[in-house]
Amino acid sequence: MAGFVKNKSSFDGGNTLKLEEIGATGTPSGGTADRPSDPDTGDIRFNTDEGKLEVYNGTAFQQLSTTGVVTVTQDSFTGDGSTIAYTMSTSVESDQTQRIVVAVGNVYQNPASAYTLSGTTITFTSPPGDSETITIIHGYDSN
């Protein structure tokens, strides 16, 4: 490994290899098409097409987030007592309900029972009341 050397007791008695830092180490890198065909869970590489680190989670390569680069969006609507579906400004995956915050009349809505998501559409299980303010904050899953 470039930039690292093994110290005299390179293993700690378990499965951890101890390294003595003397600079930096190279990380496997390449474009998306260069990903290994049979990666192991936990494999880390730098994707030169995306300019991001990624890790193999056992199913697919996932990009690692960079601290401080999150774009959070707030959408606001007003209930009318009958409308249950509203169109948000950006798409949210249906299995990511925990990554948004929804309030109706300043009351937090439980994602397990109050609404469902499909793309840019949020559908409430019952219509928000007439003149109730609906606030949706999303983008917590952005890189």
Protein backbone atom coordinates (compact mmCIF):
# COMPACT_ATOMS: atom_id res chain seq x y z
CA MET A 1 0.00 0.00 0.00
CA ALA A 2 1.40 3.34 -0.98
CA GLY A 3 1.98 5.62 1.97
CA PHE A 4 1.46 3.03 4.69
CA VAL A 5 3.77 0.48 6.24
CA LYS A 6 3.00 -2.46 8.50
CA ASN A 7 4.22 -2.01 12.02
CA LYS A 8 5.98 -4.88 13.82
CA SER A 9 2.74 -6.25 15.26
CA SER A 10 0.70 -5.98 12.09
CA PHE A 11 -2.25 -7.90 13.54
CA ASP A 12 -3.84 -7.15 16.90
CA GLY A 13 -4.70 -10.78 17.66
CA GLY A 14 -8.03 -10.48 15.83
CA ASN A 15 -8.76 -9.71 12.23
CA THR A 16 -7.62 -6.08 12.24
CA LEU A 17 -4.48 -5.13 10.36
CA LYS A 18 -2.78 -2.20 12.09
CA LEU A 19 -1.03 0.28 9.84
CA GLU A 20 1.35 3.06 10.72
CA GLU A 21 0.43 6.24 8.85
CA ILE A 22 3.21 8.09 7.04
CA GLY A 23 1.24 10.05 4.41
CA ALA A 24 -1.68 8.86 2.32
CA THR A 25 -2.82 5.70 0.65
CA GLY A 26 -4.19 5.12 -2.79
CA THR A 27 -7.78 4.01 -3.23
CA PRO A 28 -8.86 1.84 -6.14
CA SER A 29 -10.43 4.11 -8.74
CA GLY A 30 -12.02 4.12 -12.15
CA GLY A 31 -15.21 4.96 -13.97
CA THR A 32 -18.59 3.34 -13.41
CA ALA A 33 -17.89 0.84 -16.20
CA ASP A 34 -14.66 -0.16 -14.43
CA ARG A 35 -16.40 -1.44 -11.28
CA PRO A 36 -15.39 -5.00 -10.38
CA SER A 37 -17.76 -7.66 -11.72
CA ASP A 38 -17.81 -9.63 -8.45
CA PRO A 39 -17.23 -7.14 -5.60
CA ASP A 40 -17.22 -8.06 -1.92
CA THR A 41 -19.51 -6.33 0.56
CA GLY A 42 -17.62 -3.36 1.99
CA ASP A 43 -15.38 -2.79 -1.06
CA ILE A 44 -14.57 0.93 -1.37
CA ARG A 45 -13.45 2.71 -4.54
CA PHE A 46 -13.31 6.20 -6.04
CA ASN A 47 -15.66 6.62 -9.01
CA THR A 48 -13.86 8.95 -11.41
CA ASP A 49 -17.04 9.50 -13.48
CA GLU A 50 -18.96 10.76 -10.43
CA GLY A 51 -16.01 12.24 -8.52
CA LYS A 52 -17.17 10.44 -5.36
CA LEU A 53 -16.20 7.59 -3.07
CA GLU A 54 -18.53 4.60 -3.24
CA VAL A 55 -18.97 1.42 -1.23
CA TYR A 56 -20.47 -1.93 -2.23
CA ASN A 57 -23.32 -2.75 0.18
CA GLY A 58 -23.77 -6.37 -0.89
CA THR A 59 -26.23 -5.47 -3.65
CA ALA A 60 -24.97 -2.31 -5.38
CA PHE A 61 -22.36 0.42 -5.16
CA GLN A 62 -23.65 3.39 -3.12
CA GLN A 63 -22.06 6.83 -3.09
CA LEU A 64 -20.72 8.07 0.22
CA SER A 65 -22.11 11.46 1.25
CA THR A 66 -19.96 14.49 1.73
CA THR A 67 -20.53 16.44 4.91
CA GLY A 68 -22.13 19.83 4.40
CA VAL A 69 -23.42 19.40 0.85
CA VAL A 70 -27.10 18.75 1.43
CA THR A 71 -29.81 20.57 -0.51
CA VAL A 72 -32.93 20.74 1.64
CA THR A 73 -36.19 21.83 0.04
CA GLN A 74 -39.35 23.12 1.71
CA ASP A 75 -42.72 22.90 0.00
CA SER A 76 -45.78 24.60 1.47
CA PHE A 77 -49.43 24.03 0.65
CA THR A 78 -52.79 24.98 2.14
CA GLY A 79 -55.34 22.28 2.82
CA ASP A 80 -58.91 22.65 1.60
CA GLY A 81 -60.56 19.84 3.55
CA SER A 82 -60.92 17.55 0.50
CA THR A 83 -57.62 17.33 -1.42
CA ILE A 84 -55.39 14.42 -0.37
CA ALA A 85 -52.66 14.50 -3.09
CA TYR A 86 -50.12 17.31 -3.47
CA THR A 87 -47.22 17.72 -5.91
CA MET A 88 -43.83 18.43 -4.33
CA SER A 89 -41.10 20.35 -6.17
CA THR A 90 -38.70 17.38 -6.24
CA SER A 91 -39.08 13.61 -6.30
CA VAL A 92 -38.79 11.46 -3.19
CA GLU A 93 -38.56 7.68 -3.45
CA SER A 94 -41.54 5.86 -1.92
CA ASP A 95 -39.31 3.84 0.41
CA GLN A 96 -37.71 6.99 1.80
CA THR A 97 -40.57 8.36 3.91
CA GLN A 98 -38.23 8.63 6.89
CA ARG A 99 -36.10 11.13 4.96
CA ILE A 100 -38.75 13.85 4.86
CA VAL A 101 -40.53 15.84 7.54
CA VAL A 102 -44.23 16.60 7.09
CA ALA A 103 -46.32 18.87 9.30
CA VAL A 104 -49.98 19.77 8.97
CA GLY A 105 -51.00 22.76 11.06
CA ASN A 106 -47.62 22.55 12.84
CA VAL A 107 -48.29 18.94 13.87
CA TYR A 108 -45.69 16.36 12.78
CA GLN A 109 -47.19 13.60 10.60
CA ASN A 110 -46.23 9.96 11.15
CA PRO A 111 -44.85 8.53 7.88
CA ALA A 112 -46.09 5.06 8.81
CA SER A 113 -49.74 6.11 8.80
CA ALA A 114 -50.35 9.70 7.65
CA TYR A 115 -49.15 9.67 4.03
CA THR A 116 -47.52 7.78 1.17
CA LEU A 117 -45.02 8.96 -1.44
CA SER A 118 -44.75 8.31 -5.15
CA GLY A 119 -42.23 10.40 -7.09
CA THR A 120 -43.23 14.03 -6.59
CA THR A 121 -46.67 13.17 -5.14
CA ILE A 122 -47.48 12.98 -1.45
CA THR A 123 -50.87 11.45 -0.70
CA PHE A 124 -52.39 11.88 2.75
CA THR A 125 -54.57 9.12 4.21
CA SER A 126 -57.14 11.79 5.09
CA PRO A 127 -57.38 15.32 3.68
CA PRO A 128 -55.73 18.11 5.65
CA GLY A 129 -58.33 20.50 7.07
CA ASP A 130 -59.56 23.64 5.38
CA SER A 131 -56.93 26.42 5.62
CA GLU A 132 -54.42 24.11 7.38
CA THR A 133 -50.81 24.86 6.46
CA ILE A 134 -48.95 21.83 5.06
CA THR A 135 -45.15 21.99 5.28
CA ILE A 136 -42.95 19.34 3.67
CA ILE A 137 -39.18 19.44 4.13
CA HIS A 138 -37.20 17.03 2.01
CA GLY A 139 -33.77 16.48 0.50
CA TYR A 140 -32.15 14.85 3.51
CA ASP A 141 -31.02 12.03 1.23
CA SER A 142 -29.08 14.31 -1.15
CA ASN A 143 -25.31 14.17 -1.42
